[in-house]
Amino acid sequence: MEIKLDKRFQKKIKGLFGKYELEVGVLQDKPYRLPKKGERGLGGAEVISYYAGGPVREKSFKSSGKTVAEISKANRERLGFNYLSSPFENKSSDIIRFSRGFFDLVFGRSQKKRVENLLQAIVRNPILRGEYGQNSPLTQKIKGFDRSMIDTGQLFKSLKARVRVRQRV
């Protein structure tokens, strides 16, 4: 059985969905700060606190000389793939939740902030689940824990999503 949609309906649907602009990544860049020095790990490594369900090193006030966006780019190069886009390649439960939320937004049954949170979760959740591998033994010893792509939590916290209604020109 084949269902053909009227061109007017197709145009209306395209207009409903196409009016939204979705962004996810480091949307507000800022300087990346070095971890605080403390008692643990190799060579007097850093003080440990907790964020997003696990340990992170506390950040100091000293700049690393790089920005969070530069750290993000270095991680993508180190991993050999784009961790910002790769979660969208598979049909995960995060994608399904986002799709439902986006449909609800388009048809006026959801808020923009809810959809932004769902979009952000698509990129953040694989990091939390440790899907991008382990740190090397040396890095684990320096950090005092093994959470790949999470050190001070600055990059993770900077991964945000934004949903905008496109401006008509």
Protein backbone atom coordinates (compact mmCIF):
# COMPACT_ATOMS: atom_id res chain seq x y z
CA MET A 1 0.00 0.00 0.00
CA GLU A 2 1.38 3.39 -0.98
CA ILE A 3 0.17 6.68 0.44
CA LYS A 4 0.81 9.85 -1.53
CA LEU A 5 0.62 13.14 0.27
CA ASP A 6 -0.78 16.22 -1.39
CA LYS A 7 1.91 18.76 -2.33
CA ARG A 8 0.17 21.44 -0.25
CA PHE A 9 0.40 19.17 2.81
CA GLN A 10 4.07 18.41 2.09
CA LYS A 11 4.81 22.13 1.81
CA LYS A 12 2.98 22.87 5.07
CA ILE A 13 4.84 20.12 6.95
CA LYS A 14 8.17 21.28 5.51
CA GLY A 15 7.32 24.79 6.69
CA LEU A 16 6.51 23.58 10.20
CA PHE A 17 9.74 21.63 10.64
CA GLY A 18 11.98 23.77 8.46
CA LYS A 19 11.37 26.91 10.48
CA TYR A 20 13.54 25.58 13.32
CA GLU A 21 17.30 25.84 13.52
CA LEU A 22 19.03 23.31 15.83
CA GLU A 23 22.56 23.71 17.18
CA VAL A 24 24.56 21.59 19.59
CA GLY A 25 28.17 21.91 20.71
CA VAL A 26 30.31 24.53 22.44
CA LEU A 27 28.02 27.48 21.72
CA GLN A 28 29.69 29.97 24.07
CA ASP A 29 33.45 29.65 24.03
CA LYS A 30 35.56 30.64 27.04
CA PRO A 31 39.09 30.07 28.32
CA TYR A 32 39.87 26.55 29.52
CA ARG A 33 41.26 26.63 33.06
CA LEU A 34 43.86 24.21 34.41
CA PRO A 35 42.99 21.75 37.20
CA LYS A 36 43.81 22.65 40.82
CA LYS A 37 46.87 21.04 42.32
CA GLY A 38 46.29 18.75 45.28
CA GLU A 39 47.30 15.52 46.93
CA ARG A 40 46.23 12.71 44.56
CA GLY A 41 47.70 11.02 41.54
CA LEU A 42 51.04 11.48 39.82
CA GLY A 43 53.21 14.40 40.87
CA GLY A 44 50.76 15.93 43.34
CA ALA A 45 47.81 15.81 40.97
CA GLU A 46 44.53 17.50 41.41
CA VAL A 47 41.76 17.81 43.98
CA ILE A 48 38.76 15.58 43.21
CA SER A 49 35.12 16.64 43.38
CA TYR A 50 31.99 15.15 41.80
CA TYR A 51 29.88 16.18 38.83
CA ALA A 52 27.46 14.35 36.53
CA GLY A 53 27.59 11.10 38.45
CA GLY A 54 31.34 10.79 38.85
CA PRO A 55 34.63 12.38 39.81
CA VAL A 56 36.12 15.48 38.19
CA ARG A 57 39.20 17.48 38.99
CA GLU A 58 38.52 20.94 40.36
CA LYS A 59 39.56 23.77 38.09
CA SER A 60 41.94 26.50 39.16
CA PHE A 61 41.92 30.16 38.16
CA LYS A 62 44.95 29.65 35.90
CA SER A 63 44.22 29.57 32.16
CA SER A 64 45.59 26.75 30.05
CA GLY A 65 46.10 29.15 27.14
CA LYS A 66 43.39 27.35 25.18
CA THR A 67 39.64 27.75 24.88
CA VAL A 68 36.99 25.13 25.56
CA ALA A 69 36.28 25.00 21.79
CA GLU A 70 39.96 24.24 21.13
CA ILE A 71 39.85 21.42 23.71
CA SER A 72 36.72 20.09 21.97
CA LYS A 73 38.47 20.15 18.59
CA ALA A 74 41.54 18.39 20.06
CA ASN A 75 39.29 15.67 21.50
CA ARG A 76 37.62 15.13 18.10
CA GLU A 77 41.04 14.81 16.47
CA ARG A 78 42.32 12.49 19.22
CA LEU A 79 39.25 10.25 18.98
CA GLY A 80 39.38 10.17 15.18
CA PHE A 81 35.68 11.02 14.83
CA ASN A 82 33.30 13.84 15.61
CA TYR A 83 31.68 13.09 18.97
CA LEU A 84 29.25 15.98 18.32
CA SER A 85 27.71 14.37 15.23
CA SER A 86 28.34 10.62 15.69
CA PRO A 87 25.50 10.12 18.23
CA PHE A 88 23.05 11.14 15.47
CA GLU A 89 24.14 8.26 13.23
CA ASN A 90 22.34 5.58 15.26
CA LYS A 91 18.76 5.24 16.40
CA SER A 92 19.26 5.51 20.15
CA SER A 93 16.72 6.05 22.90
CA ASP A 94 18.06 9.62 23.17
CA ILE A 95 17.25 10.23 19.49
CA ILE A 96 13.75 8.78 19.91
CA ARG A 97 13.05 10.99 22.95
CA PHE A 98 14.36 14.03 21.08
CA SER A 99 12.24 13.22 18.00
CA ARG A 100 9.10 12.97 20.12
CA GLY A 101 9.95 16.22 21.89
CA PHE A 102 10.66 17.99 18.61
CA PHE A 103 7.34 16.84 17.13
CA ASP A 104 5.62 18.09 20.29
CA LEU A 105 7.36 21.47 19.90
CA VAL A 106 6.42 21.77 16.22
CA PHE A 107 2.78 21.05 17.00
CA GLY A 108 2.67 23.30 20.08
CA ARG A 109 2.63 20.63 22.79
CA SER A 110 6.12 21.21 24.22
CA GLN A 111 8.46 23.99 25.23
CA LYS A 112 11.66 24.95 23.43
CA LYS A 113 13.78 24.41 26.59
CA ARG A 114 12.63 20.77 26.81
CA VAL A 115 13.75 20.13 23.22
CA GLU A 116 17.10 21.85 23.90
CA ASN A 117 17.67 19.57 26.90
CA LEU A 118 16.83 16.48 24.83
CA LEU A 119 19.16 17.58 22.02
CA GLN A 120 21.95 18.27 24.52
CA ALA A 121 21.47 14.81 26.04
CA ILE A 122 22.10 13.15 22.65
CA VAL A 123 25.68 14.48 22.72
CA ARG A 124 26.34 14.35 26.48
CA ASN A 125 24.96 10.89 27.32
CA PRO A 126 27.53 8.83 25.35
CA ILE A 127 30.27 10.70 27.23
CA LEU A 128 28.62 9.88 30.57
CA ARG A 129 28.21 6.23 29.57
CA GLY A 130 31.93 6.03 28.70
CA GLU A 131 31.29 5.05 25.08
CA TYR A 132 34.45 6.78 23.84
CA GLY A 133 36.89 4.45 25.54
CA GLN A 134 39.18 4.61 28.52
CA ASN A 135 41.98 6.95 29.42
CA SER A 136 45.52 5.62 29.18
CA PRO A 137 46.96 4.25 32.45
CA LEU A 138 49.16 7.35 32.77
CA THR A 139 46.18 9.69 32.29
CA GLN A 140 44.19 7.67 34.83
CA LYS A 141 47.00 8.04 37.33
CA ILE A 142 47.33 11.78 36.70
CA LYS A 143 43.59 12.41 36.94
CA GLY A 144 42.97 9.96 39.78
CA PHE A 145 39.99 8.43 37.90
CA ASP A 146 39.05 7.11 34.46
CA ARG A 147 36.38 9.20 32.74
CA SER A 148 37.26 9.74 29.11
CA MET A 149 36.52 13.29 27.91
CA ILE A 150 35.74 14.45 31.44
CA ASP A 151 38.56 16.04 33.41
CA THR A 152 37.45 19.24 35.14
CA GLY A 153 33.98 19.07 33.60
CA GLN A 154 34.43 22.37 31.73
CA LEU A 155 34.02 20.84 28.26
CA PHE A 156 31.07 18.69 29.36
CA LYS A 157 29.31 21.69 30.95
CA SER A 158 29.95 23.75 27.81
CA LEU A 159 28.16 21.26 25.53
CA LYS A 160 24.86 23.04 25.04
CA ALA A 161 21.99 22.95 22.60
CA ARG A 162 19.96 25.75 21.10
CA VAL A 163 16.67 25.73 19.21
CA ARG A 164 15.75 28.86 17.30
CA VAL A 165 12.91 29.84 15.03
CA ARG A 166 14.44 30.95 11.73
CA GLN A 167 13.92 34.59 10.89
CA ARG A 168 12.06 35.22 7.66
CA VAL A 169 13.89 37.49 5.29
